[in-house]
PDB file of N, CA and C in Angstrom:
ATOM      1  N   MET A   1       8.465  35.868  -0.098  1.00  0.00           N
ATOM      2  CA  MET A   1       9.141  34.059  -0.049  1.00  0.00           C
ATOM      3  C   MET A   1       9.968  34.000  -0.639  1.00  0.00           C
ATOM      4  N   LEU A   2      10.798  33.441  -0.940  1.00  0.00           N
ATOM      5  CA  LEU A   2      12.114  33.109  -1.397  1.00  0.00           C
ATOM      6  C   LEU A   2      12.047  31.774  -1.849  1.00  0.00           C
ATOM      7  N   ARG A   3      11.846  31.560  -3.206  1.00  0.00           N
ATOM      8  CA  ARG A   3      11.880  30.274  -3.872  1.00  0.00           C
ATOM      9  C   ARG A   3      13.515  29.845  -3.823  1.00  0.00           C
ATOM     10  N   ARG A   4      13.136  28.390  -3.096  1.00  0.00           N
ATOM     11  CA  ARG A   4      14.937  27.941  -4.052  1.00  0.00           C
ATOM     12  C   ARG A   4      14.518  26.586  -4.615  1.00  0.00           C
ATOM     13  N   LYS A   5      15.715  26.283  -5.676  1.00  0.00           N
ATOM     14  CA  LYS A   5      15.374  25.364  -6.575  1.00  0.00           C
ATOM     15  C   LYS A   5      15.436  23.738  -5.778  1.00  0.00           C
ATOM     16  N   PRO A   6      14.872  22.310  -6.613  1.00  0.00           N
ATOM     17  CA  PRO A   6      14.947  22.017  -5.479  1.00  0.00           C
ATOM     18  C   PRO A   6      15.860  21.312  -5.354  1.00  0.00           C
ATOM     19  N   THR A   7      16.395  20.249  -4.268  1.00  0.00           N
ATOM     20  CA  THR A   7      17.265  19.583  -5.019  1.00  0.00           C
ATOM     21  C   THR A   7      17.366  18.300  -5.209  1.00  0.00           C
ATOM     22  N   ARG A   8      18.243  18.453  -5.376  1.00  0.00           N
ATOM     23  CA  ARG A   8      19.003  16.811  -6.513  1.00  0.00           C
ATOM     24  C   ARG A   8      19.233  16.189  -5.770  1.00  0.00           C
ATOM     25  N   ILE A   9      18.450  14.305  -5.970  1.00  0.00           N
ATOM     26  CA  ILE A   9      19.038  13.521  -5.069  1.00  0.00           C
ATOM     27  C   ILE A   9      19.988  12.244  -6.288  1.00  0.00           C
ATOM     28  N   GLU A  10      21.238  12.150  -5.404  1.00  0.00           N
ATOM     29  CA  GLU A  10      22.337  11.653  -6.400  1.00  0.00           C
ATOM     30  C   GLU A  10      22.059   9.933  -5.762  1.00  0.00           C
ATOM     31  N   VAL A  11      21.845   8.640  -6.534  1.00  0.00           N
ATOM     32  CA  VAL A  11      21.869   7.652  -6.073  1.00  0.00           C
ATOM     33  C   VAL A  11      22.855   7.212  -6.823  1.00  0.00           C
ATOM     34  N   LYS A  12      23.826   6.186  -5.921  1.00  0.00           N
ATOM     35  CA  LYS A  12      25.271   5.732  -6.751  1.00  0.00           C
ATOM     36  C   LYS A  12      24.389   3.443  -6.693  1.00  0.00           C
ATOM     37  N   GLU A  13      25.307   3.002  -7.553  1.00  0.00           N
ATOM     38  CA  GLU A  13      24.600   2.368  -8.689  1.00  0.00           C
ATOM     39  C   GLU A  13      24.352   1.140  -6.506  1.00  0.00           C
ATOM     40  N   GLU A  14      25.390   0.787  -5.889  1.00  0.00           N
ATOM     41  CA  GLU A  14      25.619   0.223  -4.952  1.00  0.00           C
ATOM     42  C   GLU A  14      24.206   0.540  -3.803  1.00  0.00           C
ATOM     43  N   ASP A  15      24.023   2.226  -3.758  1.00  0.00           N
ATOM     44  CA  ASP A  15      22.963   1.906  -3.293  1.00  0.00           C
ATOM     45  C   ASP A  15      21.771   1.615  -3.678  1.00  0.00           C
ATOM     46  N   ARG A  16      21.385   1.413  -5.739  1.00  0.00           N
ATOM     47  CA  ARG A  16      20.586   1.119  -6.262  1.00  0.00           C
ATOM     48  C   ARG A  16      20.527  -0.844  -5.780  1.00  0.00           C
ATOM     49  N   GLU A  17      20.691  -1.395  -5.632  1.00  0.00           N
ATOM     50  CA  GLU A  17      21.280  -2.812  -5.653  1.00  0.00           C
ATOM     51  C   GLU A  17      21.335  -3.319  -4.394  1.00  0.00           C
ATOM     52  N   GLU A  18      21.981  -2.232  -3.323  1.00  0.00           N
ATOM     53  CA  GLU A  18      21.309  -2.459  -2.470  1.00  0.00           C
ATOM     54  C   GLU A  18      19.722  -2.576  -1.485  1.00  0.00           C
ATOM     55  N   LEU A  19      19.534  -0.743  -2.274  1.00  0.00           N
ATOM     56  CA  LEU A  19      18.085  -0.999  -2.050  1.00  0.00           C
ATOM     57  C   LEU A  19      16.548  -2.582  -2.772  1.00  0.00           C
ATOM     58  N   GLU A  20      17.611  -3.166  -4.326  1.00  0.00           N
ATOM     59  CA  GLU A  20      16.695  -4.274  -4.756  1.00  0.00           C
ATOM     60  C   GLU A  20      16.748  -5.444  -3.954  1.00  0.00           C
ATOM     61  N   GLN A  21      18.431  -5.478  -3.251  1.00  0.00           N
ATOM     62  CA  GLN A  21      18.228  -6.841  -2.411  1.00  0.00           C
ATOM     63  C   GLN A  21      17.148  -6.738  -1.630  1.00  0.00           C
ATOM     64  N   LEU A  22      17.125  -5.469  -1.025  1.00  0.00           N
ATOM     65  CA  LEU A  22      16.594  -5.521   0.586  1.00  0.00           C
ATOM     66  C   LEU A  22      14.571  -6.085   0.259  1.00  0.00           C
ATOM     67  N   ARG A  23      14.350  -5.200  -1.300  1.00  0.00           N
ATOM     68  CA  ARG A  23      13.276  -5.080  -1.320  1.00  0.00           C
ATOM     69  C   ARG A  23      12.958  -6.767  -1.702  1.00  0.00           C
ATOM     70  N   ASN A  24      13.552  -7.748  -2.671  1.00  0.00           N
ATOM     71  CA  ASN A  24      13.728  -8.887  -2.609  1.00  0.00           C
ATOM     72  C   ASN A  24      13.425  -9.622  -1.638  1.00  0.00           C
ATOM     73  N   GLN A  25      14.385  -9.424  -0.881  1.00  0.00           N
ATOM     74  CA  GLN A  25      14.374 -10.221   1.259  1.00  0.00           C
ATOM     75  C   GLN A  25      13.272 -10.176   1.388  1.00  0.00           C
ATOM     76  N   LYS A  26      12.400  -8.661   1.531  1.00  0.00           N
ATOM     77  CA  LYS A  26      11.230  -8.183   2.363  1.00  0.00           C
ATOM     78  C   LYS A  26       9.919  -9.447   0.612  1.00  0.00           C
ATOM     79  N   GLN A  27      10.315  -8.714   0.068  1.00  0.00           N
ATOM     80  CA  GLN A  27       9.534 -10.086  -0.270  1.00  0.00           C
ATOM     81  C   GLN A  27       9.679 -11.565   0.073  1.00  0.00           C
ATOM     82  N   GLN A  28      11.121 -11.763  -0.302  1.00  0.00           N
ATOM     83  CA  GLN A  28      10.536 -13.570  -0.441  1.00  0.00           C
ATOM     84  C   GLN A  28      10.239 -13.735   1.606  1.00  0.00           C
ATOM     85  N   GLN A  29      10.273 -12.812   2.552  1.00  0.00           N
ATOM     86  CA  GLN A  29       9.517 -12.786   3.798  1.00  0.00           C
ATOM     87  C   GLN A  29       8.289 -12.856   4.147  1.00  0.00           C
ATOM     88  N   GLN A  30       8.003 -12.700   3.392  1.00  0.00           N
ATOM     89  CA  GLN A  30       6.233 -12.361   2.927  1.00  0.00           C
ATOM     90  C   GLN A  30       5.737 -13.506   2.780  1.00  0.00           C
ATOM     91  N   GLN A  31       6.013 -13.699   1.180  1.00  0.00           N
ATOM     92  CA  GLN A  31       5.681 -15.184   0.760  1.00  0.00           C
ATOM     93  C   GLN A  31       6.116 -16.405   1.666  1.00  0.00           C
ATOM     94  N   GLN A  32       7.314 -16.405   2.220  1.00  0.00           N
ATOM     95  CA  GLN A  32       7.171 -17.720   3.366  1.00  0.00           C
ATOM     96  C   GLN A  32       6.345 -17.625   4.569  1.00  0.00           C
ATOM     97  N   GLN A  33       6.209 -16.217   5.016  1.00  0.00           N
ATOM     98  CA  GLN A  33       5.323 -16.515   5.815  1.00  0.00           C
ATOM     99  C   GLN A  33       3.418 -16.255   5.476  1.00  0.00           C
ATOM    100  N   GLN A  34       3.373 -16.237   3.913  1.00  0.00           N
ATOM    101  CA  GLN A  34       2.200 -16.903   3.723  1.00  0.00           C
ATOM    102  C   GLN A  34       1.790 -18.133   3.289  1.00  0.00           C
ATOM    103  N   GLN A  35       3.436 -19.042   3.079  1.00  0.00           N
ATOM    104  CA  GLN A  35       3.249 -20.250   3.187  1.00  0.00           C
ATOM    105  C   GLN A  35       2.879 -21.129   4.075  1.00  0.00           C
ATOM    106  N   GLN A  36       3.471 -20.938   5.546  1.00  0.00           N
ATOM    107  CA  GLN A  36       3.638 -20.474   6.507  1.00  0.00           C
ATOM    108  C   GLN A  36       2.056 -20.862   6.868  1.00  0.00           C
ATOM    109  N   GLN A  37       1.611 -19.881   6.524  1.00  0.00           N
ATOM    110  CA  GLN A  37      -0.004 -19.716   7.340  1.00  0.00           C
ATOM    111  C   GLN A  37      -0.530 -20.545   7.080  1.00  0.00           C
ATOM    112  N   GLN A  38      -0.628 -20.534   5.048  1.00  0.00           N
ATOM    113  CA  GLN A  38      -1.507 -21.868   4.770  1.00  0.00           C
ATOM    114  C   GLN A  38      -0.979 -23.487   4.990  1.00  0.00           C
ATOM    115  N   GLN A  39      -0.276 -23.409   5.340  1.00  0.00           N
ATOM    116  CA  GLN A  39       0.632 -24.739   5.915  1.00  0.00           C
ATOM    117  C   GLN A  39      -0.170 -24.538   6.969  1.00  0.00           C
ATOM    118  N   THR A  40      -0.089 -24.549   8.290  1.00  0.00           N
ATOM    119  CA  THR A  40      -0.527 -24.004   9.434  1.00  0.00           C
ATOM    120  C   THR A  40      -2.384 -24.059   9.321  1.00  0.00           C
ATOM    121  N   ALA A  41      -2.737 -23.451   8.060  1.00  0.00           N
ATOM    122  CA  ALA A  41      -4.593 -23.502   8.016  1.00  0.00           C
ATOM    123  C   ALA A  41      -5.057 -24.639   7.920  1.00  0.00           C
ATOM    124  N   THR A  42      -3.865 -25.417   7.013  1.00  0.00           N
ATOM    125  CA  THR A  42      -4.576 -26.314   6.129  1.00  0.00           C
ATOM    126  C   THR A  42      -4.082 -28.204   7.103  1.00  0.00           C
ATOM    127  N   SER A  43      -3.136 -28.306   8.018  1.00  0.00           N
ATOM    128  CA  SER A  43      -2.749 -28.850   8.843  1.00  0.00           C
ATOM    129  C   SER A  43      -3.907 -28.943  10.029  1.00  0.00           C
ATOM    130  N   THR A  44      -4.208 -27.776  10.949  1.00  0.00           N
ATOM    131  CA  THR A  44      -5.227 -27.530  11.286  1.00  0.00           C
ATOM    132  C   THR A  44      -6.848 -28.428  11.546  1.00  0.00           C
ATOM    133  N   LEU A  45      -6.680 -27.895   9.759  1.00  0.00           N
ATOM    134  CA  LEU A  45      -8.290 -28.342   9.034  1.00  0.00           C
ATOM    135  C   LEU A  45      -8.309 -29.418   8.910  1.00  0.00           C
ATOM    136  N   LEU A  46      -7.393 -30.071   8.275  1.00  0.00           N
ATOM    137  CA  LEU A  46      -6.854 -31.708   8.594  1.00  0.00           C
ATOM    138  C   LEU A  46      -7.089 -32.229   9.360  1.00  0.00           C
ATOM    139  N   HIS A  47      -6.192 -32.157  10.647  1.00  0.00           N
ATOM    140  CA  HIS A  47      -6.605 -32.111  12.396  1.00  0.00           C
ATOM    141  C   HIS A  47      -8.010 -32.432  12.775  1.00  0.00           C
ATOM    142  N   HIS A  48      -8.895 -31.109  12.671  1.00  0.00           N
ATOM    143  CA  HIS A  48     -10.095 -31.174  12.654  1.00  0.00           C
ATOM    144  C   HIS A  48     -10.781 -32.468  12.197  1.00  0.00           C
ATOM    145  N   LEU A  49     -10.859 -32.443  10.958  1.00  0.00           N
ATOM    146  CA  LEU A  49     -11.471 -33.601  10.498  1.00  0.00           C
ATOM    147  C   LEU A  49     -11.866 -34.450  10.221  1.00  0.00           C
ATOM    148  N   ASN A  50     -10.022 -34.895  10.133  1.00  0.00           N
ATOM    149  CA  ASN A  50      -9.651 -36.283  10.246  1.00  0.00           C
ATOM    150  C   ASN A  50      -8.290 -36.317  12.166  1.00  0.00           C
ATOM    151  N   PRO A  51      -9.170 -36.650  12.866  1.00  0.00           N
ATOM    152  CA  PRO A  51      -8.379 -36.457  14.379  1.00  0.00           C
ATOM    153  C   PRO A  51      -8.380 -38.069  14.635  1.00  0.00           C
ATOM    154  N   THR A  52      -6.541 -37.970  15.005  1.00  0.00           N
ATOM    155  CA  THR A  52      -6.013 -39.727  15.237  1.00  0.00           C
ATOM    156  C   THR A  52      -6.428 -39.578  16.594  1.00  0.00           C
ATOM    157  N   LYS A  53      -6.696 -41.184  16.646  1.00  0.00           N
ATOM    158  CA  LYS A  53      -7.044 -41.353  18.077  1.00  0.00           C
ATOM    159  C   LYS A  53      -5.842 -41.691  18.940  1.00  0.00           C
ATOM    160  N   ASP A  54      -5.638 -41.825  19.918  1.00  0.00           N
ATOM    161  CA  ASP A  54      -4.295 -42.493  19.992  1.00  0.00           C
ATOM    162  C   ASP A  54      -4.786 -43.181  21.714  1.00  0.00           C
ATOM    163  N   PRO A  55      -5.597 -44.129  21.826  1.00  0.00           N
ATOM    164  CA  PRO A  55      -6.035 -44.425  23.416  1.00  0.00           C
ATOM    165  C   PRO A  55      -5.334 -44.378  24.775  1.00  0.00           C
ATOM    166  N   SER A  56      -4.245 -44.208  24.558  1.00  0.00           N
ATOM    167  CA  SER A  56      -3.567 -43.474  26.129  1.00  0.00           C
ATOM    168  C   SER A  56      -3.219 -42.224  26.118  1.00  0.00           C
ATOM    169  N   SER A  57      -4.006 -41.001  24.742  1.00  0.00           N
ATOM    170  CA  SER A  57      -3.562 -39.993  25.276  1.00  0.00           C
ATOM    171  C   SER A  57      -4.728 -39.346  25.907  1.00  0.00           C
ATOM    172  N   LYS A  58      -6.328 -40.171  26.701  1.00  0.00           N
ATOM    173  CA  LYS A  58      -7.088 -39.080  26.739  1.00  0.00           C
ATOM    174  C   LYS A  58      -7.203 -39.824  28.310  1.00  0.00           C
ATOM    175  N   PRO A  59      -6.737 -40.974  28.498  1.00  0.00           N
ATOM    176  CA  PRO A  59      -6.300 -41.252  29.948  1.00  0.00           C
ATOM    177  C   PRO A  59      -5.288 -40.233  30.096  1.00  0.00           C
ATOM    178  N   GLN A  60      -3.904 -39.422  30.346  1.00  0.00           N
ATOM    179  CA  GLN A  60      -3.220 -39.292  30.113  1.00  0.00           C
ATOM    180  C   GLN A  60      -3.631 -38.035  30.138  1.00  0.00           C
ATOM    181  N   ARG A  61      -4.932 -37.249  29.610  1.00  0.00           N
ATOM    182  CA  ARG A  61      -5.362 -35.887  29.881  1.00  0.00           C
ATOM    183  C   ARG A  61      -6.297 -35.745  30.760  1.00  0.00           C
ATOM    184  N   ILE A  62      -6.765 -36.658  31.145  1.00  0.00           N
ATOM    185  CA  ILE A  62      -7.880 -36.418  32.764  1.00  0.00           C
ATOM    186  C   ILE A  62      -7.003 -37.418  33.443  1.00  0.00           C
ATOM    187  N   GLY A  63      -6.063 -37.602  33.309  1.00  0.00           N
ATOM    188  CA  GLY A  63      -5.061 -37.724  34.926  1.00  0.00           C
ATOM    189  C   GLY A  63      -5.328 -39.200  35.153  1.00  0.00           C
ATOM    190  N   LEU A  64      -5.709 -39.863  34.738  1.00  0.00           N
ATOM    191  CA  LEU A  64      -5.847 -41.374  34.952  1.00  0.00           C
ATOM    192  C   LEU A  64      -4.232 -42.595  34.604  1.00  0.00           C
ATOM    193  N   ASN A  65      -4.148 -42.701  35.332  1.00  0.00           N
ATOM    194  CA  ASN A  65      -2.545 -43.786  35.048  1.00  0.00           C
ATOM    195  C   ASN A  65      -3.349 -45.040  34.741  1.00  0.00           C
ATOM    196  N   PRO A  66      -2.941 -45.541  33.747  1.00  0.00           N
ATOM    197  CA  PRO A  66      -3.806 -47.030  33.804  1.00  0.00           C
ATOM    198  C   PRO A  66      -2.423 -48.544  34.168  1.00  0.00           C
TER     199      PRO A  66
END
């Protein structure tokens, strides 16, 4: 079996910059998603611990019109 020389990959400066930009964007998106998940979990927990009582919401939910 013949062995061939390994191919050489050349990367231009523009390609390297583009790759770094994409990596940064991906990292920022992941951080934003994590922050949103934390905020959602926190707001849900606070809602369960201290629900605000709206007197008109219960009759509306069960279908009573005062």
